[in-house]
């Protein structure tokens, strides 16, 4: 890897004492709270109930959106050592610079070192069989294009972890999530989890056709968000009390186009939100 690419990232020490990776030009840190693997275990493994859901026969497909430095996928791999289901992890990434940086600093990061060999195989072959019940695939390219490929099966779980909307807004818009929702098979129950608790994003997901609920606490983060194509998968769906907060919020406008407009929700969007089946059940 060239010196120029090395300078894209650096290592930082989090409050927890764990090491993580920072994108140098924006100071955006990967898994900035309690550390990469600890955060991934709570947000994606536990909150998605992966072990329980993979204890049933059949195919179970995970979309790991924002492969990055592989913490989310590794958390799932370590949890799913003896699944009954035939599990496929599809890691989506546009650039391999983060994972190559992580491999270079495997000793400091810790979590990645035991998995370095299969990751190298994955980068080389774009597919690795980890054990008879678990296959890991690399889907390299723009996720907005990759998700449309018919040969990639519809997900049961989505780990949604691209760069934040401040530098990657195209992955956070209403238009994008409407397309993602159409890619999902309604006969395949799916949970998607994300670190944010933003009213803006929750409104955006609801208007895109998803059901949305309150997610787990992670470190100093009081809430995260769980999104689904089926209401019954949510333990704590957003309710009418949340709608009342939206009505009075100064930042509840869904994200459209190429920039975020911070303002209260419009009358038109509020009417659409009130008609959502989540609030009529």
Protein backbone atom coordinates (compact mmCIF):
# COMPACT_ATOMS: atom_id res chain seq x y z
CA UNK A 1 0.00 0.00 0.00
CA UNK A 2 1.36 3.43 -0.91
CA UNK A 3 2.24 6.14 1.58
CA UNK A 4 -0.59 8.24 0.19
CA UNK A 5 -3.13 5.55 0.98
CA UNK A 6 -1.70 5.02 4.46
CA UNK A 7 -2.37 8.67 5.19
CA UNK A 8 -6.09 8.20 4.54
CA UNK A 9 -6.41 6.64 7.99
CA UNK A 10 -4.82 6.65 11.40
CA UNK A 11 -5.30 4.77 14.66
CA UNK A 12 -7.00 6.36 17.65
CA UNK A 13 -7.48 5.23 21.25
CA UNK A 14 -11.11 5.40 22.39
CA UNK A 15 -12.33 6.23 25.90
CA UNK A 16 -12.74 2.51 26.47
CA UNK A 17 -9.02 2.04 25.82
CA UNK A 18 -9.68 0.11 22.61
CA UNK A 19 -8.03 1.07 19.33
CA UNK A 20 -10.06 2.04 16.29
CA UNK A 21 -9.55 3.61 12.86
CA UNK A 22 -10.11 7.25 11.97
CA UNK A 23 -10.64 8.67 8.50
CA UNK A 24 -7.94 11.33 8.55
CA UNK A 25 -9.45 14.00 6.30
CA UNK A 26 -12.79 14.13 8.15
CA UNK A 27 -11.81 12.87 11.63
CA UNK A 28 -14.68 10.35 11.40
CA UNK A 29 -13.89 7.40 13.64
CA UNK A 30 -15.07 3.86 13.01
CA UNK A 31 -17.11 2.54 15.98
CA UNK A 32 -16.31 5.58 18.16
CA UNK A 33 -18.07 4.49 21.34
CA UNK A 34 -16.98 1.35 23.15
CA UNK A 35 -14.80 -0.14 20.44
CA UNK A 36 -15.27 -2.01 17.15
CA UNK A 37 -16.11 -5.53 18.27
CA UNK A 38 -18.02 -4.59 21.44
CA UNK A 39 -20.21 -2.16 19.52
CA UNK A 40 -20.80 -4.61 16.68
CA UNK A 41 -21.84 -7.35 19.12
CA UNK A 42 -24.51 -5.18 20.74
CA UNK A 43 -25.76 -3.37 17.64
CA UNK A 44 -25.73 -6.21 15.13
CA UNK A 45 -25.38 -9.61 16.85
CA UNK A 46 -27.47 -9.18 20.01
CA UNK A 47 -29.97 -6.67 18.68
CA UNK A 48 -30.51 -8.72 15.53
CA UNK A 49 -30.92 -11.88 17.67
CA UNK A 50 -28.59 -13.58 15.21
CA UNK A 51 -27.88 -16.74 17.18
CA UNK A 52 -31.58 -17.35 17.84
CA UNK A 53 -32.64 -16.59 14.26
CA UNK A 54 -29.88 -18.79 12.80
CA UNK A 55 -30.91 -21.74 14.99
CA UNK A 56 -33.65 -22.62 12.48
CA UNK A 57 -33.08 -24.59 9.25
CA UNK A 58 -32.98 -22.85 5.86
CA UNK A 59 -30.92 -20.09 4.31
CA UNK A 60 -30.08 -16.98 6.36
CA UNK A 61 -28.60 -14.03 4.46
CA UNK A 62 -26.76 -11.11 6.06
CA UNK A 63 -26.03 -7.91 4.14
CA UNK A 64 -23.02 -6.22 5.74
CA UNK A 65 -23.34 -2.74 4.22
CA UNK A 66 -20.12 -0.86 4.82
CA UNK A 67 -17.59 -3.68 5.21
CA UNK A 68 -15.00 -1.10 6.31
CA UNK A 69 -12.50 -2.75 8.65
CA UNK A 70 -14.65 -5.90 9.02
CA UNK A 71 -15.67 -5.54 12.70
CA UNK A 72 -19.38 -6.09 12.04
CA UNK A 73 -18.83 -9.18 9.91
CA UNK A 74 -16.29 -10.60 12.37
CA UNK A 75 -18.74 -10.15 15.26
CA UNK A 76 -21.31 -12.21 13.31
CA UNK A 77 -18.73 -14.85 12.34
CA UNK A 78 -17.59 -15.32 15.93
CA UNK A 79 -21.21 -15.60 17.12
CA UNK A 80 -22.24 -18.08 14.44
CA UNK A 81 -19.87 -20.96 15.05
CA UNK A 82 -22.64 -23.60 15.15
CA UNK A 83 -25.69 -22.33 13.26
CA UNK A 84 -28.43 -24.64 12.06
CA UNK A 85 -29.16 -22.31 9.14
CA UNK A 86 -26.97 -22.09 6.06
CA UNK A 87 -25.59 -18.59 6.58
CA UNK A 88 -24.32 -16.28 3.85
CA UNK A 89 -22.63 -13.00 4.77
CA UNK A 90 -22.45 -10.55 1.86
CA UNK A 91 -20.08 -7.69 2.70
CA UNK A 92 -20.57 -4.65 0.47
CA UNK A 93 -17.74 -2.15 0.03
CA UNK A 94 -16.66 0.46 -2.49
CA UNK A 95 -13.03 0.74 -1.38
CA UNK A 96 -10.72 -1.82 0.21
CA UNK A 97 -8.45 0.84 1.72
CA UNK A 98 -9.96 0.53 5.25
CA UNK A 99 -9.56 -3.25 5.47
CA UNK A 100 -6.02 -3.13 4.05
CA UNK A 101 -5.11 -0.51 6.65
CA UNK A 102 -6.70 -2.68 9.36
CA UNK A 103 -4.73 -5.74 8.25
CA UNK A 104 -1.53 -3.70 8.40
CA UNK A 105 -2.39 -2.77 12.00
CA UNK A 106 -3.90 -6.11 13.05
CA UNK A 107 -1.80 -6.30 16.23
CA UNK A 108 -2.93 -2.90 17.50
CA UNK A 109 -6.60 -3.45 16.61
CA UNK A 110 -6.67 -6.92 18.14
CA UNK A 111 -10.05 -8.15 16.90
CA UNK A 112 -8.91 -8.60 13.31
CA UNK A 113 -5.74 -10.64 13.94
CA UNK A 114 -7.37 -14.10 14.37
CA UNK A 115 -9.27 -13.55 11.11
CA UNK A 116 -6.47 -12.15 8.95
CA UNK A 117 -6.02 -15.28 6.84
CA UNK A 118 -9.69 -15.71 5.78
CA UNK A 119 -9.91 -11.97 5.14
CA UNK A 120 -6.92 -12.18 2.79
CA UNK A 121 -8.67 -15.07 1.02
CA UNK A 122 -11.86 -13.01 0.81
CA UNK A 123 -10.03 -10.05 -0.74
CA UNK A 124 -8.38 -12.33 -3.27
CA UNK A 125 -11.29 -14.59 -4.24
CA UNK A 126 -14.35 -12.55 -3.13
CA UNK A 127 -15.68 -15.69 -1.44
CA UNK A 128 -14.49 -17.85 1.44
CA UNK A 129 -16.08 -20.89 3.09
CA UNK A 130 -15.47 -20.40 6.80
CA UNK A 131 -17.14 -23.66 7.82
CA UNK A 132 -19.81 -25.91 6.27
CA UNK A 133 -22.64 -23.65 7.45
CA UNK A 134 -21.08 -20.22 6.85
CA UNK A 135 -19.94 -18.59 3.61
CA UNK A 136 -18.52 -15.05 3.37
CA UNK A 137 -18.87 -13.10 0.11
CA UNK A 138 -17.33 -9.76 -0.89
CA UNK A 139 -19.47 -7.56 -3.14
CA UNK A 140 -17.11 -4.87 -4.38
CA UNK A 141 -18.61 -1.69 -5.85
CA UNK A 142 -21.23 0.95 -5.17
CA UNK A 143 -23.92 -0.59 -2.95
CA UNK A 144 -26.60 1.35 -4.82
CA UNK A 145 -25.76 -0.76 -7.87
CA UNK A 146 -24.82 -3.97 -6.07
CA UNK A 147 -28.14 -4.24 -4.21
CA UNK A 148 -29.98 -4.44 -7.55
CA UNK A 149 -28.21 -7.63 -8.64
CA UNK A 150 -30.69 -10.49 -8.85
CA UNK A 151 -28.04 -13.09 -8.02
CA UNK A 152 -27.57 -11.65 -4.51
CA UNK A 153 -30.33 -13.14 -2.31
CA UNK A 154 -32.73 -10.97 -0.33
CA UNK A 155 -31.49 -10.35 3.23
CA UNK A 156 -32.75 -11.58 6.58
CA UNK A 157 -30.45 -9.10 8.35
CA UNK A 158 -28.82 -5.84 7.29
CA UNK A 159 -25.89 -4.36 9.19
CA UNK A 160 -26.22 -0.78 7.97
CA UNK A 161 -22.92 0.98 8.58
CA UNK A 162 -21.78 3.21 5.70
CA UNK A 163 -19.99 6.50 6.28
CA UNK A 164 -22.18 9.14 7.92
CA UNK A 165 -24.46 11.42 5.93
CA UNK A 166 -22.09 14.38 6.41
CA UNK A 167 -19.70 12.80 3.88
CA UNK A 168 -21.89 10.14 2.24
CA UNK A 169 -25.37 11.64 1.96
CA UNK A 170 -26.31 9.57 -1.10
CA UNK A 171 -26.58 6.51 1.18
CA UNK A 172 -29.02 8.25 3.55
CA UNK A 173 -31.70 9.75 1.31
CA UNK A 174 -35.38 8.91 1.04
CA UNK A 175 -34.93 8.07 -2.64
CA UNK A 176 -32.18 5.58 -1.83
CA UNK A 177 -34.10 3.85 0.96
CA UNK A 178 -37.21 3.59 -1.21
CA UNK A 179 -35.09 1.62 -3.72
CA UNK A 180 -33.60 -0.53 -0.95
CA UNK A 181 -37.08 -1.31 0.36
CA UNK A 182 -38.14 -2.48 -3.11
CA UNK A 183 -35.13 -4.81 -3.25
CA UNK A 184 -36.33 -6.68 -0.17
CA UNK A 185 -38.59 -9.71 -0.45
CA UNK A 186 -41.64 -9.21 1.76
CA UNK A 187 -41.74 -12.98 2.30
CA UNK A 188 -38.26 -12.79 3.88
CA UNK A 189 -38.46 -11.22 7.37
CA UNK A 190 -35.60 -8.74 7.68
CA UNK A 191 -34.16 -6.59 10.45
CA UNK A 192 -31.82 -3.67 9.77
CA UNK A 193 -29.94 -1.98 12.60
CA UNK A 194 -28.07 1.32 12.75
CA UNK A 195 -26.26 3.42 15.35
CA UNK A 196 -28.34 6.58 14.88
CA UNK A 197 -31.40 7.67 16.86
CA UNK A 198 -31.96 10.74 14.67
CA UNK A 199 -35.57 11.86 14.16
CA UNK A 200 -34.66 12.82 10.60
CA UNK A 201 -33.50 9.31 9.76
CA UNK A 202 -36.42 7.63 11.50
CA UNK A 203 -38.85 9.79 9.48
CA UNK A 204 -36.88 9.00 6.32
CA UNK A 205 -37.06 5.23 6.92
CA UNK A 206 -40.78 5.32 7.70
CA UNK A 207 -41.59 7.33 4.58
CA UNK A 208 -39.50 4.86 2.55
CA UNK A 209 -41.88 2.09 3.63
CA UNK A 210 -40.07 0.51 6.56
CA UNK A 211 -41.27 -0.12 10.10
CA UNK A 212 -39.07 1.55 12.72
CA UNK A 213 -38.38 0.91 16.38
CA UNK A 214 -36.18 1.91 19.30
CA UNK A 215 -32.87 0.08 19.56
CA UNK A 216 -30.42 -0.78 22.31
CA UNK A 217 -28.23 1.47 24.42
CA UNK A 218 -24.56 1.36 23.44
CA UNK A 219 -22.07 2.98 25.81
CA UNK A 220 -23.06 6.64 26.16
CA UNK A 221 -25.55 6.30 23.28
CA UNK A 222 -28.97 6.12 24.92
CA UNK A 223 -30.79 4.66 21.91
CA UNK A 224 -30.07 3.20 18.49
CA UNK A 225 -32.60 2.26 15.79
CA UNK A 226 -34.07 -0.99 14.49
CA UNK A 227 -35.74 -1.04 11.07
CA UNK A 228 -37.74 -3.84 9.46
CA UNK A 229 -39.99 -4.89 6.61
CA UNK A 230 -42.33 -6.53 9.14
CA UNK A 231 -43.78 -4.76 12.18
CA UNK A 232 -43.90 -7.91 14.32
CA UNK A 233 -40.11 -8.16 14.26
CA UNK A 234 -39.79 -4.95 16.29
CA UNK A 235 -39.68 -5.23 20.09
CA UNK A 236 -40.31 -1.51 20.67
CA UNK A 237 -41.94 0.17 17.64
CA UNK A 238 -42.13 3.93 17.54
CA UNK A 239 -45.59 4.99 18.71
CA UNK A 240 -47.94 7.97 18.86
CA UNK A 241 -45.84 9.62 21.59
CA UNK A 242 -42.95 9.71 19.13
CA UNK A 243 -45.27 11.21 16.48
CA UNK A 244 -46.07 14.03 18.89
CA UNK A 245 -42.35 14.73 19.30
CA UNK A 246 -41.96 14.80 15.52
CA UNK A 247 -44.71 17.44 15.25
CA UNK A 248 -42.76 19.76 17.56
CA UNK A 249 -39.25 18.97 16.31
CA UNK A 250 -37.25 21.64 14.50
CA UNK A 251 -35.33 18.92 12.63
CA UNK A 252 -37.68 16.25 11.28
CA UNK A 253 -37.53 16.83 7.54
CA UNK A 254 -36.65 13.64 5.61
CA UNK A 255 -33.46 13.70 3.56
CA UNK A 256 -34.04 14.22 -0.13
CA UNK A 257 -31.61 14.98 -2.93
CA UNK A 258 -28.00 15.94 -2.40
CA UNK A 259 -28.19 18.01 0.78
CA UNK A 260 -29.93 17.89 4.12
CA UNK A 261 -32.42 20.68 4.78
CA UNK A 262 -32.79 21.10 8.54
CA UNK A 263 -36.37 22.15 9.22
CA UNK A 264 -39.62 20.88 10.79
CA UNK A 265 -41.55 18.21 8.94
CA UNK A 266 -43.85 19.59 6.24
CA UNK A 267 -47.61 19.19 6.37
CA UNK A 268 -47.51 16.85 3.38
CA UNK A 269 -44.87 14.57 4.91
CA UNK A 270 -46.61 14.58 8.28
CA UNK A 271 -49.84 13.43 6.62
CA UNK A 272 -47.93 10.60 4.91
CA UNK A 273 -46.36 9.65 8.24
CA UNK A 274 -49.73 9.56 10.00
CA UNK A 275 -51.07 7.22 7.30
CA UNK A 276 -48.22 4.74 7.82
CA UNK A 277 -49.60 1.31 8.86
CA UNK A 278 -47.26 1.27 11.89
CA UNK A 279 -49.47 3.90 13.53
CA UNK A 280 -52.77 2.17 12.71
CA UNK A 281 -52.06 -1.22 14.26
